[in-house]
Amino acid sequence: MIDEKFQWKSAYLWIKYYNYKCVHFDKEKSEIWLSNQKKHHIVIFKFGEFTSQELGFTHERLKEHKEDINAFLSFDVRKYDVYVFNDKNIDVQHFTEHHPIKIKFHHIESRKTFINKIKHPLLKRELTNKDTKSSTYYKQRTLNQNPVEHAMYQFAPITYALIATNVIVWLIILLFLPHRTDLEIINVGALSHFNFVHGEIYRLVSSIFLHLNFEHLLFNMLS
C-alpha cells in the first residue's frame, strides 16, 4: 500500500536526484507537479482514487491548456509523465500521446512498481530504505520554494566527492605528517607566494585540500 509519506518522499527524492523543482500542488486534484526546464519536462504525481474518466479529463486538460501551462512555467513543455498512484486496476495505456506533445501515464499500484521504474541507484535505495522522518518533513521540502534551501537539497556528487577527498587528506596529514606551523604546512603543499612565483604552480591545487585544524576543515566544507 502507498501511504502519504511514500508519496511525498517520492516527490522530494525526485527533486533531489533528478534536479526538478515543485511548480504546482493542487490539493483538490491530489497532484504534485515537478518541472525540469532544461529537459522541457513535467512530471505529475497523482494520488488517490481515480476512475478512467477522471484520468481522461487530466489528459485532455494537459492538451487543451498547453499555452496556459507554458505561460505559467515560462518554458515550452514537450513531455509529460503522469504517475498515477492507485492500487485499483486501471488501464492507462490509451492515454499515451505523441503529438503535438508527448504525454505518458504510468499506473503505480504499489511501492514495488514505482521503485522498479526508478533507474537512479541512490534514489532507488532511499525509497527502499525505511526511515523515521515524517510525511510533513518530506512535504515541506517538496513544496519549499526558497532557492537557497532548494539548492541545498540537490544531490551534488562532485561536491560530495570533494568533501570526502578533503576529509581523507586531512586525516592522512593529521596522522602521518607534521603541519602545526606555517612552514610545516607549506612543506606539505600549501600555497605561498615565494614558492608559486618560483614555478610551483601545483600549489594552486594542493592547497585546496590542506587545512590546519578541524575547525578550518569544517568551515571550508560547510561553505
N, C-alpha and C. Protein backbone atom coordinates (compact mmCIF):
# COMPACT_ATOMS: atom_id res chain seq x y z
N MET A 1 0.84 -1.20 0.00
CA MET A 1 0.00 0.00 0.00
C MET A 1 0.87 1.25 0.00
N ILE A 2 0.46 2.26 -0.74
CA ILE A 2 1.21 3.51 -0.84
C ILE A 2 0.59 4.54 0.09
N ASP A 3 1.33 4.93 1.13
CA ASP A 3 0.79 5.89 2.08
C ASP A 3 1.26 7.30 1.73
N GLU A 4 0.79 8.27 2.52
CA GLU A 4 1.09 9.68 2.23
C GLU A 4 2.58 9.97 2.32
N LYS A 5 3.24 9.34 3.28
CA LYS A 5 4.68 9.57 3.44
C LYS A 5 5.45 9.14 2.20
N PHE A 6 5.10 7.97 1.67
CA PHE A 6 5.80 7.49 0.48
C PHE A 6 5.56 8.42 -0.71
N GLN A 7 4.36 8.99 -0.79
CA GLN A 7 4.04 9.92 -1.87
C GLN A 7 4.95 11.14 -1.83
N TRP A 8 5.02 11.77 -0.67
CA TRP A 8 5.83 12.98 -0.55
C TRP A 8 7.32 12.67 -0.61
N LYS A 9 7.71 11.54 -0.07
CA LYS A 9 9.12 11.14 -0.13
C LYS A 9 9.55 10.93 -1.58
N SER A 10 8.68 10.31 -2.38
CA SER A 10 8.98 10.08 -3.79
C SER A 10 9.18 11.40 -4.52
N ALA A 11 8.30 12.36 -4.25
CA ALA A 11 8.41 13.67 -4.89
C ALA A 11 9.69 14.39 -4.47
N TYR A 12 9.98 14.35 -3.19
CA TYR A 12 11.18 15.02 -2.69
C TYR A 12 12.45 14.42 -3.28
N LEU A 13 12.53 13.09 -3.31
CA LEU A 13 13.72 12.44 -3.84
C LEU A 13 13.86 12.66 -5.34
N TRP A 14 12.74 12.80 -6.03
CA TRP A 14 12.78 13.12 -7.46
C TRP A 14 13.44 14.48 -7.65
N ILE A 15 13.06 15.43 -6.79
CA ILE A 15 13.66 16.77 -6.83
C ILE A 15 15.15 16.68 -6.52
N LYS A 16 15.49 15.90 -5.52
CA LYS A 16 16.87 15.81 -5.05
C LYS A 16 17.81 15.20 -6.09
N TYR A 17 17.39 14.10 -6.70
CA TYR A 17 18.30 13.35 -7.56
C TYR A 17 18.17 13.66 -9.05
N TYR A 18 17.01 14.16 -9.47
CA TYR A 18 16.82 14.44 -10.90
C TYR A 18 16.82 15.94 -11.21
N ASN A 19 17.06 16.77 -10.18
CA ASN A 19 17.18 18.22 -10.38
C ASN A 19 15.88 18.84 -10.94
N TYR A 20 14.76 18.41 -10.38
CA TYR A 20 13.47 19.03 -10.71
C TYR A 20 13.10 19.98 -9.58
N LYS A 21 12.06 20.76 -9.78
CA LYS A 21 11.52 21.58 -8.71
C LYS A 21 10.00 21.53 -8.74
N CYS A 22 9.40 21.70 -7.57
CA CYS A 22 7.95 21.67 -7.48
C CYS A 22 7.39 23.00 -7.96
N VAL A 23 6.52 22.97 -8.96
CA VAL A 23 5.96 24.20 -9.52
C VAL A 23 4.47 24.34 -9.25
N HIS A 24 3.85 23.26 -8.76
CA HIS A 24 2.41 23.35 -8.53
C HIS A 24 1.95 22.20 -7.65
N PHE A 25 1.06 22.52 -6.70
CA PHE A 25 0.45 21.49 -5.87
C PHE A 25 -1.04 21.78 -5.81
N ASP A 26 -1.83 20.87 -6.33
CA ASP A 26 -3.29 21.00 -6.31
C ASP A 26 -3.84 20.00 -5.31
N LYS A 27 -4.25 20.51 -4.16
CA LYS A 27 -4.73 19.64 -3.09
C LYS A 27 -6.02 18.94 -3.48
N GLU A 28 -6.92 19.65 -4.18
CA GLU A 28 -8.21 19.06 -4.57
C GLU A 28 -8.03 17.93 -5.57
N LYS A 29 -7.12 18.12 -6.52
CA LYS A 29 -6.89 17.09 -7.53
C LYS A 29 -5.81 16.10 -7.09
N SER A 30 -5.21 16.34 -5.93
CA SER A 30 -4.13 15.48 -5.39
C SER A 30 -3.00 15.33 -6.41
N GLU A 31 -2.54 16.47 -6.90
CA GLU A 31 -1.48 16.48 -7.92
C GLU A 31 -0.27 17.28 -7.44
N ILE A 32 0.90 16.72 -7.67
CA ILE A 32 2.16 17.42 -7.46
C ILE A 32 2.85 17.53 -8.81
N TRP A 33 3.15 18.76 -9.22
CA TRP A 33 3.81 19.00 -10.50
C TRP A 33 5.28 19.33 -10.26
N LEU A 34 6.15 18.57 -10.91
CA LEU A 34 7.59 18.80 -10.84
C LEU A 34 8.09 19.13 -12.24
N SER A 35 8.95 20.12 -12.34
CA SER A 35 9.41 20.56 -13.66
C SER A 35 10.92 20.56 -13.77
N ASN A 36 11.38 20.30 -14.99
CA ASN A 36 12.79 20.44 -15.33
C ASN A 36 12.85 21.27 -16.61
N GLN A 37 13.23 22.54 -16.46
CA GLN A 37 13.19 23.46 -17.59
C GLN A 37 14.16 23.06 -18.70
N LYS A 38 15.35 22.56 -18.33
CA LYS A 38 16.33 22.18 -19.33
C LYS A 38 15.83 21.04 -20.21
N LYS A 39 15.06 20.13 -19.61
CA LYS A 39 14.54 18.99 -20.35
C LYS A 39 13.16 19.26 -20.95
N HIS A 40 12.59 20.44 -20.66
CA HIS A 40 11.22 20.77 -21.11
C HIS A 40 10.24 19.67 -20.68
N HIS A 41 10.39 19.26 -19.45
CA HIS A 41 9.69 18.06 -18.99
C HIS A 41 8.91 18.36 -17.71
N ILE A 42 7.71 17.80 -17.62
CA ILE A 42 6.89 17.89 -16.42
C ILE A 42 6.57 16.48 -15.93
N VAL A 43 6.76 16.25 -14.65
CA VAL A 43 6.35 15.01 -14.01
C VAL A 43 5.21 15.33 -13.06
N ILE A 44 4.12 14.60 -13.18
CA ILE A 44 2.96 14.82 -12.33
C ILE A 44 2.72 13.56 -11.50
N PHE A 45 2.67 13.74 -10.20
CA PHE A 45 2.30 12.65 -9.29
C PHE A 45 0.85 12.85 -8.87
N LYS A 46 0.01 11.88 -9.20
CA LYS A 46 -1.40 11.92 -8.82
C LYS A 46 -1.67 10.81 -7.80
N PHE A 47 -2.29 11.18 -6.69
CA PHE A 47 -2.53 10.23 -5.62
C PHE A 47 -4.02 10.14 -5.31
N GLY A 48 -4.50 8.94 -5.03
CA GLY A 48 -5.89 8.79 -4.61
C GLY A 48 -6.68 7.84 -5.48
N GLU A 49 -7.98 7.89 -5.32
CA GLU A 49 -8.89 7.03 -6.08
C GLU A 49 -9.37 7.77 -7.32
N PHE A 50 -9.01 7.24 -8.49
CA PHE A 50 -9.38 7.87 -9.75
C PHE A 50 -10.04 6.86 -10.67
N THR A 51 -11.02 7.33 -11.42
CA THR A 51 -11.63 6.50 -12.45
C THR A 51 -10.92 6.79 -13.77
N SER A 52 -11.13 5.94 -14.74
CA SER A 52 -10.54 6.17 -16.06
C SER A 52 -11.04 7.48 -16.66
N GLN A 53 -12.31 7.80 -16.37
CA GLN A 53 -12.87 9.05 -16.89
C GLN A 53 -12.15 10.26 -16.30
N GLU A 54 -11.86 10.23 -15.01
CA GLU A 54 -11.17 11.33 -14.37
C GLU A 54 -9.75 11.49 -14.93
N LEU A 55 -9.10 10.38 -15.19
CA LEU A 55 -7.77 10.45 -15.79
C LEU A 55 -7.85 10.99 -17.22
N GLY A 56 -8.96 10.66 -17.90
CA GLY A 56 -9.18 11.20 -19.23
C GLY A 56 -9.31 12.72 -19.20
N PHE A 57 -9.95 13.24 -18.16
CA PHE A 57 -10.06 14.69 -18.01
C PHE A 57 -8.69 15.32 -17.81
N THR A 58 -7.84 14.65 -17.04
CA THR A 58 -6.48 15.14 -16.83
C THR A 58 -5.72 15.17 -18.15
N HIS A 59 -5.86 14.13 -18.93
CA HIS A 59 -5.21 14.03 -20.24
C HIS A 59 -5.65 15.17 -21.15
N GLU A 60 -6.95 15.41 -21.21
CA GLU A 60 -7.46 16.47 -22.07
C GLU A 60 -7.04 17.85 -21.56
N ARG A 61 -6.97 18.00 -20.26
CA ARG A 61 -6.56 19.28 -19.66
C ARG A 61 -5.13 19.64 -20.07
N LEU A 62 -4.25 18.67 -20.08
CA LEU A 62 -2.87 18.93 -20.49
C LEU A 62 -2.78 19.35 -21.95
N LYS A 63 -3.62 18.77 -22.78
CA LYS A 63 -3.62 19.11 -24.21
C LYS A 63 -4.27 20.47 -24.47
N GLU A 64 -5.43 20.69 -23.88
CA GLU A 64 -6.21 21.89 -24.18
C GLU A 64 -5.60 23.16 -23.57
N HIS A 65 -4.89 23.01 -22.47
CA HIS A 65 -4.33 24.19 -21.80
C HIS A 65 -2.82 24.29 -21.99
N LYS A 66 -2.36 23.80 -23.10
CA LYS A 66 -0.92 23.78 -23.38
C LYS A 66 -0.31 25.18 -23.28
N GLU A 67 -0.91 26.17 -23.92
CA GLU A 67 -0.36 27.52 -23.93
C GLU A 67 -0.39 28.15 -22.54
N ASP A 68 -1.48 27.92 -21.81
CA ASP A 68 -1.59 28.48 -20.46
C ASP A 68 -0.52 27.89 -19.54
N ILE A 69 -0.29 26.59 -19.67
CA ILE A 69 0.72 25.93 -18.84
C ILE A 69 2.11 26.45 -19.18
N ASN A 70 2.39 26.59 -20.48
CA ASN A 70 3.70 27.12 -20.91
C ASN A 70 3.92 28.53 -20.38
N ALA A 71 2.87 29.34 -20.41
CA ALA A 71 2.98 30.72 -19.91
C ALA A 71 3.22 30.73 -18.41
N PHE A 72 2.56 29.84 -17.70
CA PHE A 72 2.71 29.76 -16.25
C PHE A 72 4.12 29.33 -15.86
N LEU A 73 4.69 28.40 -16.63
CA LEU A 73 6.01 27.86 -16.31
C LEU A 73 7.15 28.65 -16.94
N SER A 74 6.83 29.49 -17.92
CA SER A 74 7.83 30.29 -18.65
C SER A 74 8.77 29.43 -19.48
N PHE A 75 8.29 28.28 -19.93
CA PHE A 75 9.02 27.47 -20.91
C PHE A 75 8.04 26.52 -21.59
N ASP A 76 8.44 26.03 -22.77
CA ASP A 76 7.58 25.14 -23.54
C ASP A 76 7.73 23.70 -23.06
N VAL A 77 6.63 23.14 -22.61
CA VAL A 77 6.64 21.75 -22.16
C VAL A 77 6.55 20.84 -23.38
N ARG A 78 7.49 19.90 -23.50
CA ARG A 78 7.49 18.98 -24.64
C ARG A 78 7.07 17.57 -24.23
N LYS A 79 7.13 17.30 -22.92
CA LYS A 79 6.80 15.95 -22.49
C LYS A 79 6.22 15.96 -21.07
N TYR A 80 5.17 15.15 -20.89
CA TYR A 80 4.58 14.93 -19.57
C TYR A 80 4.68 13.45 -19.23
N ASP A 81 5.07 13.17 -17.99
CA ASP A 81 4.95 11.83 -17.43
C ASP A 81 4.05 11.93 -16.21
N VAL A 82 2.93 11.23 -16.27
CA VAL A 82 1.95 11.29 -15.19
C VAL A 82 1.96 9.96 -14.45
N TYR A 83 2.37 9.99 -13.19
CA TYR A 83 2.41 8.79 -12.36
C TYR A 83 1.15 8.74 -11.49
N VAL A 84 0.32 7.75 -11.76
CA VAL A 84 -0.96 7.62 -11.07
C VAL A 84 -0.80 6.59 -9.96
N PHE A 85 -0.75 7.04 -8.71
CA PHE A 85 -0.60 6.16 -7.56
C PHE A 85 -2.00 5.72 -7.12
N ASN A 86 -2.35 4.50 -7.49
CA ASN A 86 -3.69 3.99 -7.22
C ASN A 86 -3.62 2.46 -7.24
N ASP A 87 -4.11 1.83 -6.17
CA ASP A 87 -3.99 0.37 -6.10
C ASP A 87 -5.11 -0.37 -6.82
N LYS A 88 -5.96 0.38 -7.55
CA LYS A 88 -7.02 -0.25 -8.33
C LYS A 88 -6.49 -0.65 -9.71
N ASN A 89 -7.23 -1.50 -10.37
CA ASN A 89 -6.84 -1.96 -11.71
C ASN A 89 -7.33 -0.94 -12.74
N ILE A 90 -6.42 -0.09 -13.23
CA ILE A 90 -6.77 0.96 -14.19
C ILE A 90 -5.89 0.83 -15.42
N ASP A 91 -6.51 0.89 -16.60
CA ASP A 91 -5.77 0.85 -17.85
C ASP A 91 -5.45 2.28 -18.28
N VAL A 92 -4.18 2.63 -18.29
CA VAL A 92 -3.78 4.00 -18.64
C VAL A 92 -3.06 4.06 -19.99
N GLN A 93 -2.89 2.93 -20.64
CA GLN A 93 -2.12 2.89 -21.88
C GLN A 93 -2.73 3.76 -22.98
N HIS A 94 -4.06 3.82 -23.02
CA HIS A 94 -4.71 4.56 -24.12
C HIS A 94 -4.62 6.07 -23.94
N PHE A 95 -4.04 6.53 -22.82
CA PHE A 95 -3.85 7.97 -22.64
C PHE A 95 -2.52 8.46 -23.20
N THR A 96 -1.74 7.56 -23.77
CA THR A 96 -0.44 7.94 -24.34
C THR A 96 -0.64 8.84 -25.55
N GLU A 97 0.14 9.91 -25.62
CA GLU A 97 0.05 10.90 -26.69
C GLU A 97 1.45 11.19 -27.20
N HIS A 98 1.59 11.33 -28.52
CA HIS A 98 2.90 11.61 -29.09
C HIS A 98 2.95 12.96 -29.82
N HIS A 99 1.82 13.51 -30.15
CA HIS A 99 1.78 14.77 -30.90
C HIS A 99 0.54 15.57 -30.49
N PRO A 100 0.67 16.86 -30.32
CA PRO A 100 1.86 17.72 -30.52
C PRO A 100 2.85 17.69 -29.35
N ILE A 101 2.42 17.15 -28.21
CA ILE A 101 3.33 16.97 -27.09
C ILE A 101 3.25 15.51 -26.65
N LYS A 102 4.30 15.05 -26.00
CA LYS A 102 4.32 13.67 -25.52
C LYS A 102 3.69 13.60 -24.13
N ILE A 103 2.71 12.73 -23.99
CA ILE A 103 2.06 12.51 -22.70
C ILE A 103 2.03 11.01 -22.44
N LYS A 104 2.55 10.61 -21.29
CA LYS A 104 2.53 9.20 -20.94
C LYS A 104 2.08 9.02 -19.50
N PHE A 105 1.10 8.15 -19.31
CA PHE A 105 0.59 7.84 -17.98
C PHE A 105 1.22 6.53 -17.49
N HIS A 106 1.57 6.50 -16.21
CA HIS A 106 2.14 5.31 -15.59
C HIS A 106 1.27 4.93 -14.40
N HIS A 107 0.76 3.72 -14.40
CA HIS A 107 -0.06 3.26 -13.28
C HIS A 107 0.83 2.65 -12.21
N ILE A 108 0.79 3.21 -11.02
CA ILE A 108 1.61 2.74 -9.90
C ILE A 108 0.67 2.17 -8.84
N GLU A 109 0.58 0.86 -8.80
CA GLU A 109 -0.35 0.23 -7.86
C GLU A 109 0.31 -0.17 -6.54
N SER A 110 1.66 -0.09 -6.47
CA SER A 110 2.36 -0.47 -5.25
C SER A 110 3.71 0.23 -5.21
N ARG A 111 4.33 0.20 -4.03
CA ARG A 111 5.67 0.76 -3.88
C ARG A 111 6.65 0.06 -4.81
N LYS A 112 6.54 -1.26 -4.88
CA LYS A 112 7.46 -2.05 -5.70
C LYS A 112 7.38 -1.65 -7.16
N THR A 113 6.18 -1.38 -7.65
CA THR A 113 6.01 -0.96 -9.04
C THR A 113 6.77 0.32 -9.31
N PHE A 114 6.63 1.29 -8.40
CA PHE A 114 7.30 2.57 -8.59
C PHE A 114 8.82 2.42 -8.49
N ILE A 115 9.28 1.69 -7.49
CA ILE A 115 10.73 1.51 -7.29
C ILE A 115 11.35 0.82 -8.50
N ASN A 116 10.64 -0.11 -9.10
CA ASN A 116 11.15 -0.82 -10.27
C ASN A 116 11.30 0.10 -11.48
N LYS A 117 10.53 1.19 -11.50
CA LYS A 117 10.63 2.14 -12.60
C LYS A 117 11.78 3.11 -12.45
N ILE A 118 12.34 3.19 -11.24
CA ILE A 118 13.41 4.13 -10.96
C ILE A 118 14.74 3.57 -11.45
N LYS A 119 15.50 4.40 -12.17
CA LYS A 119 16.80 3.98 -12.69
C LYS A 119 17.96 4.50 -11.85
N HIS A 120 17.74 5.60 -11.16
CA HIS A 120 18.82 6.18 -10.36
C HIS A 120 19.06 5.30 -9.13
N PRO A 121 20.28 4.74 -8.97
CA PRO A 121 20.52 3.77 -7.89
C PRO A 121 20.36 4.36 -6.49
N LEU A 122 20.77 5.62 -6.29
CA LEU A 122 20.67 6.22 -4.96
C LEU A 122 19.22 6.54 -4.61
N LEU A 123 18.47 7.01 -5.60
CA LEU A 123 17.05 7.27 -5.38
C LEU A 123 16.32 5.97 -5.05
N LYS A 124 16.63 4.94 -5.81
CA LYS A 124 16.01 3.63 -5.59
C LYS A 124 16.32 3.12 -4.18
N ARG A 125 17.58 3.30 -3.76
CA ARG A 125 17.98 2.81 -2.43
C ARG A 125 17.24 3.57 -1.33
N GLU A 126 17.11 4.90 -1.48
CA GLU A 126 16.44 5.68 -0.45
C GLU A 126 14.96 5.35 -0.37
N LEU A 127 14.34 5.05 -1.50
CA LEU A 127 12.94 4.67 -1.48
C LEU A 127 12.75 3.31 -0.82
N THR A 128 13.73 2.46 -0.97
CA THR A 128 13.65 1.11 -0.40
C THR A 128 13.90 1.12 1.11
N ASN A 129 14.83 1.99 1.54
CA ASN A 129 15.19 2.04 2.95
C ASN A 129 14.09 2.69 3.79
N LYS A 130 13.92 2.18 4.99
CA LYS A 130 12.98 2.77 5.93
C LYS A 130 13.67 3.89 6.69
N ASP A 131 12.90 4.90 7.08
CA ASP A 131 13.46 5.99 7.87
C ASP A 131 12.41 6.48 8.86
N THR A 132 12.84 7.32 9.79
CA THR A 132 11.94 7.80 10.85
C THR A 132 11.36 9.18 10.55
N LYS A 133 11.70 9.75 9.40
CA LYS A 133 11.19 11.08 9.06
C LYS A 133 9.69 11.00 8.77
N SER A 134 9.00 12.10 9.03
CA SER A 134 7.55 12.12 8.89
C SER A 134 7.13 12.54 7.48
N SER A 135 5.87 12.36 7.19
CA SER A 135 5.30 12.82 5.93
C SER A 135 5.43 14.34 5.80
N THR A 136 5.24 15.04 6.91
CA THR A 136 5.35 16.51 6.92
C THR A 136 6.75 16.96 6.52
N TYR A 137 7.76 16.24 6.98
CA TYR A 137 9.15 16.56 6.65
C TYR A 137 9.35 16.58 5.14
N TYR A 138 8.89 15.54 4.46
CA TYR A 138 9.07 15.45 3.01
C TYR A 138 8.17 16.43 2.28
N LYS A 139 6.98 16.65 2.80
CA LYS A 139 6.06 17.60 2.16
C LYS A 139 6.63 19.02 2.19
N GLN A 140 7.16 19.44 3.34
CA GLN A 140 7.72 20.78 3.46
C GLN A 140 8.89 20.98 2.51
N ARG A 141 9.72 19.99 2.37
CA ARG A 141 10.88 20.11 1.48
C ARG A 141 10.49 20.05 0.01
N THR A 142 9.46 19.32 -0.28
CA THR A 142 8.98 19.28 -1.67
C THR A 142 8.40 20.62 -2.09
N LEU A 143 7.64 21.24 -1.21
CA LEU A 143 6.94 22.49 -1.54
C LEU A 143 7.79 23.73 -1.29
N ASN A 144 8.95 23.57 -0.67
CA ASN A 144 9.80 24.72 -0.34
C ASN A 144 10.29 25.41 -1.61
N GLN A 145 10.02 26.71 -1.71
CA GLN A 145 10.41 27.48 -2.89
C GLN A 145 11.61 28.38 -2.63
N ASN A 146 12.20 28.29 -1.45
CA ASN A 146 13.39 29.09 -1.16
C ASN A 146 14.54 28.59 -2.03
N PRO A 147 15.10 29.45 -2.90
CA PRO A 147 16.13 28.98 -3.85
C PRO A 147 17.40 28.46 -3.18
N VAL A 148 17.79 29.07 -2.05
CA VAL A 148 19.00 28.64 -1.36
C VAL A 148 18.78 27.26 -0.74
N GLU A 149 17.68 27.10 -0.03
CA GLU A 149 17.39 25.81 0.60
C GLU A 149 17.15 24.73 -0.45
N HIS A 150 16.49 25.12 -1.55
CA HIS A 150 16.25 24.16 -2.63
C HIS A 150 17.57 23.67 -3.21
N ALA A 151 18.54 24.57 -3.36
CA ALA A 151 19.85 24.17 -3.89
C ALA A 151 20.56 23.21 -2.94
N MET A 152 20.34 23.39 -1.63
CA MET A 152 20.98 22.52 -0.65
C MET A 152 20.40 21.12 -0.66
N TYR A 153 19.16 20.97 -1.17
CA TYR A 153 18.55 19.65 -1.25
C TYR A 153 19.12 18.83 -2.40
N GLN A 154 19.66 19.52 -3.41
CA GLN A 154 20.06 18.83 -4.62
C GLN A 154 21.22 17.88 -4.36
N PHE A 155 21.18 16.75 -5.03
CA PHE A 155 22.29 15.79 -4.96
C PHE A 155 23.42 16.31 -5.84
N ALA A 156 24.61 16.52 -5.22
CA ALA A 156 25.75 17.08 -5.95
C ALA A 156 26.94 16.14 -5.78
N PRO A 157 27.09 15.15 -6.66
CA PRO A 157 28.16 14.15 -6.49
C PRO A 157 29.56 14.73 -6.49
N ILE A 158 29.80 15.78 -7.29
CA ILE A 158 31.13 16.38 -7.32
C ILE A 158 31.44 17.04 -5.99
N THR A 159 30.44 17.74 -5.43
CA THR A 159 30.63 18.38 -4.12
C THR A 159 30.92 17.34 -3.05
N TYR A 160 30.15 16.25 -3.04
CA TYR A 160 30.37 15.19 -2.05
C TYR A 160 31.76 14.56 -2.22
N ALA A 161 32.18 14.40 -3.46
CA ALA A 161 33.49 13.81 -3.72
C ALA A 161 34.61 14.72 -3.22
N LEU A 162 34.45 16.03 -3.42
CA LEU A 162 35.45 16.98 -2.95
C LEU A 162 35.52 17.00 -1.42
N ILE A 163 34.37 16.94 -0.76
CA ILE A 163 34.34 16.91 0.70
C ILE A 163 35.03 15.65 1.21
N ALA A 164 34.70 14.52 0.60
CA ALA A 164 35.31 13.25 1.02
C ALA A 164 36.82 13.28 0.83
N THR A 165 37.28 13.83 -0.30
CA THR A 165 38.71 13.91 -0.57
C THR A 165 39.41 14.80 0.46
N ASN A 166 38.79 15.94 0.78
CA ASN A 166 39.36 16.84 1.78
C ASN A 166 39.48 16.18 3.15
N VAL A 167 38.45 15.44 3.53
CA VAL A 167 38.46 14.77 4.84
C VAL A 167 39.54 13.69 4.88
N ILE A 168 39.66 12.91 3.80
CA ILE A 168 40.67 11.84 3.75
C ILE A 168 42.08 12.42 3.80
N VAL A 169 42.32 13.48 3.02
CA VAL A 169 43.65 14.11 3.02
C VAL A 169 43.96 14.67 4.40
N TRP A 170 42.96 15.31 5.03
CA TRP A 170 43.17 15.87 6.36
C TRP A 170 43.53 14.78 7.37
N LEU A 171 42.86 13.65 7.30
CA LEU A 171 43.16 12.54 8.22
C LEU A 171 44.56 11.98 8.00
N ILE A 172 44.95 11.85 6.73
CA ILE A 172 46.29 11.35 6.42
C ILE A 172 47.36 12.28 6.97
N ILE A 173 47.18 13.58 6.73
CA ILE A 173 48.16 14.56 7.21
C ILE A 173 48.16 14.61 8.73
N LEU A 174 46.97 14.54 9.33
CA LEU A 174 46.86 14.57 10.79
C LEU A 174 47.62 13.42 11.43
N LEU A 175 47.56 12.25 10.81
CA LEU A 175 48.15 11.06 11.40
C LEU A 175 49.63 10.87 11.06
N PHE A 176 50.04 11.36 9.88
CA PHE A 176 51.38 10.98 9.41
C PHE A 176 52.33 12.14 9.13
N LEU A 177 51.82 13.38 9.01
CA LEU A 177 52.70 14.49 8.62
C LEU A 177 52.58 15.65 9.60
N PRO A 178 53.70 16.29 9.95
CA PRO A 178 53.63 17.47 10.82
C PRO A 178 53.09 18.67 10.04
N HIS A 179 52.18 19.42 10.66
CA HIS A 179 51.58 20.55 9.94
C HIS A 179 51.09 21.62 10.91
N ARG A 180 51.77 21.74 12.05
CA ARG A 180 51.28 22.67 13.08
C ARG A 180 51.76 24.10 12.88
N THR A 181 52.79 24.30 12.10
CA THR A 181 53.30 25.66 11.84
C THR A 181 53.12 26.01 10.37
N ASP A 182 53.27 27.30 10.07
CA ASP A 182 53.14 27.77 8.68
C ASP A 182 54.16 27.08 7.77
N LEU A 183 55.38 26.94 8.28
CA LEU A 183 56.44 26.33 7.46
C LEU A 183 56.13 24.86 7.18
N GLU A 184 55.62 24.16 8.19
CA GLU A 184 55.31 22.74 8.01
C GLU A 184 54.18 22.54 7.01
N ILE A 185 53.16 23.36 7.09
CA ILE A 185 52.03 23.21 6.17
C ILE A 185 52.43 23.60 4.75
N ILE A 186 53.37 24.55 4.62
CA ILE A 186 53.88 24.92 3.29
C ILE A 186 54.69 23.77 2.70
N ASN A 187 55.46 23.11 3.55
CA ASN A 187 56.25 21.96 3.07
C ASN A 187 55.36 20.83 2.58
N VAL A 188 54.17 20.72 3.15
CA VAL A 188 53.22 19.68 2.73
C VAL A 188 52.61 20.01 1.37
N GLY A 189 52.49 21.31 1.06
CA GLY A 189 51.92 21.67 -0.24
C GLY A 189 51.02 22.88 -0.22
N ALA A 190 50.99 23.62 0.91
CA ALA A 190 50.14 24.82 0.99
C ALA A 190 50.66 25.90 0.05
N LEU A 191 49.82 26.87 -0.23
CA LEU A 191 50.15 27.94 -1.17
C LEU A 191 50.98 29.02 -0.48
N SER A 192 52.08 29.39 -1.11
CA SER A 192 52.88 30.53 -0.64
C SER A 192 53.35 31.30 -1.87
N HIS A 193 53.45 32.61 -1.71
CA HIS A 193 53.83 33.47 -2.83
C HIS A 193 55.22 33.11 -3.36
N PHE A 194 56.16 32.91 -2.45
CA PHE A 194 57.55 32.63 -2.86
C PHE A 194 57.63 31.37 -3.70
N ASN A 195 57.02 30.29 -3.21
CA ASN A 195 57.10 29.02 -3.94
C ASN A 195 56.36 29.10 -5.27
N PHE A 196 55.24 29.80 -5.27
CA PHE A 196 54.44 29.89 -6.50
C PHE A 196 55.19 30.63 -7.61
N VAL A 197 55.78 31.77 -7.28
CA VAL A 197 56.48 32.56 -8.31
C VAL A 197 57.75 31.87 -8.79
N HIS A 198 58.20 30.87 -8.03
CA HIS A 198 59.37 30.11 -8.46
C HIS A 198 58.97 28.80 -9.13
N GLY A 199 57.75 28.77 -9.63
CA GLY A 199 57.35 27.68 -10.53
C GLY A 199 56.53 26.56 -9.92
N GLU A 200 56.27 26.59 -8.64
CA GLU A 200 55.49 25.51 -8.02
C GLU A 200 53.99 25.79 -8.16
N ILE A 201 53.53 25.74 -9.40
CA ILE A 201 52.15 26.08 -9.72
C ILE A 201 51.17 25.05 -9.15
N TYR A 202 51.66 23.83 -8.93
CA TYR A 202 50.79 22.78 -8.41
C TYR A 202 50.16 23.15 -7.08
N ARG A 203 50.75 24.11 -6.36
CA ARG A 203 50.23 24.51 -5.06
C ARG A 203 48.84 25.15 -5.17
N LEU A 204 48.49 25.66 -6.33
CA LEU A 204 47.14 26.19 -6.52
C LEU A 204 46.08 25.11 -6.31
N VAL A 205 46.47 23.86 -6.62
CA VAL A 205 45.55 22.73 -6.45
C VAL A 205 45.75 22.06 -5.09
N SER A 206 46.99 21.78 -4.74
CA SER A 206 47.25 21.05 -3.49
C SER A 206 46.77 21.81 -2.27
N SER A 207 46.84 23.14 -2.32
CA SER A 207 46.43 23.94 -1.15
C SER A 207 44.93 23.83 -0.87
N ILE A 208 44.16 23.47 -1.89
CA ILE A 208 42.70 23.33 -1.72
C ILE A 208 42.39 22.25 -0.69
N PHE A 209 43.24 21.24 -0.60
CA PHE A 209 42.95 20.07 0.23
C PHE A 209 43.71 20.08 1.56
N LEU A 210 44.31 21.22 1.91
CA LEU A 210 45.10 21.29 3.15
C LEU A 210 44.42 22.20 4.16
N HIS A 211 44.36 21.74 5.41
CA HIS A 211 43.72 22.50 6.49
C HIS A 211 44.54 22.36 7.76
N LEU A 212 44.66 23.46 8.50
CA LEU A 212 45.48 23.47 9.69
C LEU A 212 44.87 22.66 10.83
N ASN A 213 43.55 22.70 10.96
CA ASN A 213 42.89 22.01 12.07
C ASN A 213 41.46 21.64 11.67
N PHE A 214 40.75 21.01 12.58
CA PHE A 214 39.40 20.54 12.28
C PHE A 214 38.45 21.70 12.00
N GLU A 215 38.59 22.81 12.76
CA GLU A 215 37.70 23.96 12.56
C GLU A 215 37.89 24.54 11.16
N HIS A 216 39.14 24.61 10.71
CA HIS A 216 39.44 25.10 9.36
C HIS A 216 38.77 24.20 8.31
N LEU A 217 38.90 22.89 8.50
CA LEU A 217 38.27 21.93 7.59
C LEU A 217 36.75 22.06 7.61
N LEU A 218 36.16 22.13 8.81
CA LEU A 218 34.71 22.17 8.96
C LEU A 218 34.11 23.37 8.25
N PHE A 219 34.63 24.54 8.48
CA PHE A 219 34.05 25.76 7.89
C PHE A 219 34.27 25.80 6.38
N ASN A 220 35.40 25.31 5.92
CA ASN A 220 35.61 25.26 4.47
C ASN A 220 34.63 24.30 3.80
N MET A 221 34.38 23.15 4.43
CA MET A 221 33.47 22.17 3.84
C MET A 221 32.03 22.69 3.89
N LEU A 222 31.66 23.40 4.94
CA LEU A 222 30.31 23.96 5.01
C LEU A 222 30.10 25.01 3.92
N SER A 223 31.12 25.84 3.69
CA SER A 223 30.99 26.87 2.66
C SER A 223 30.98 26.26 1.28
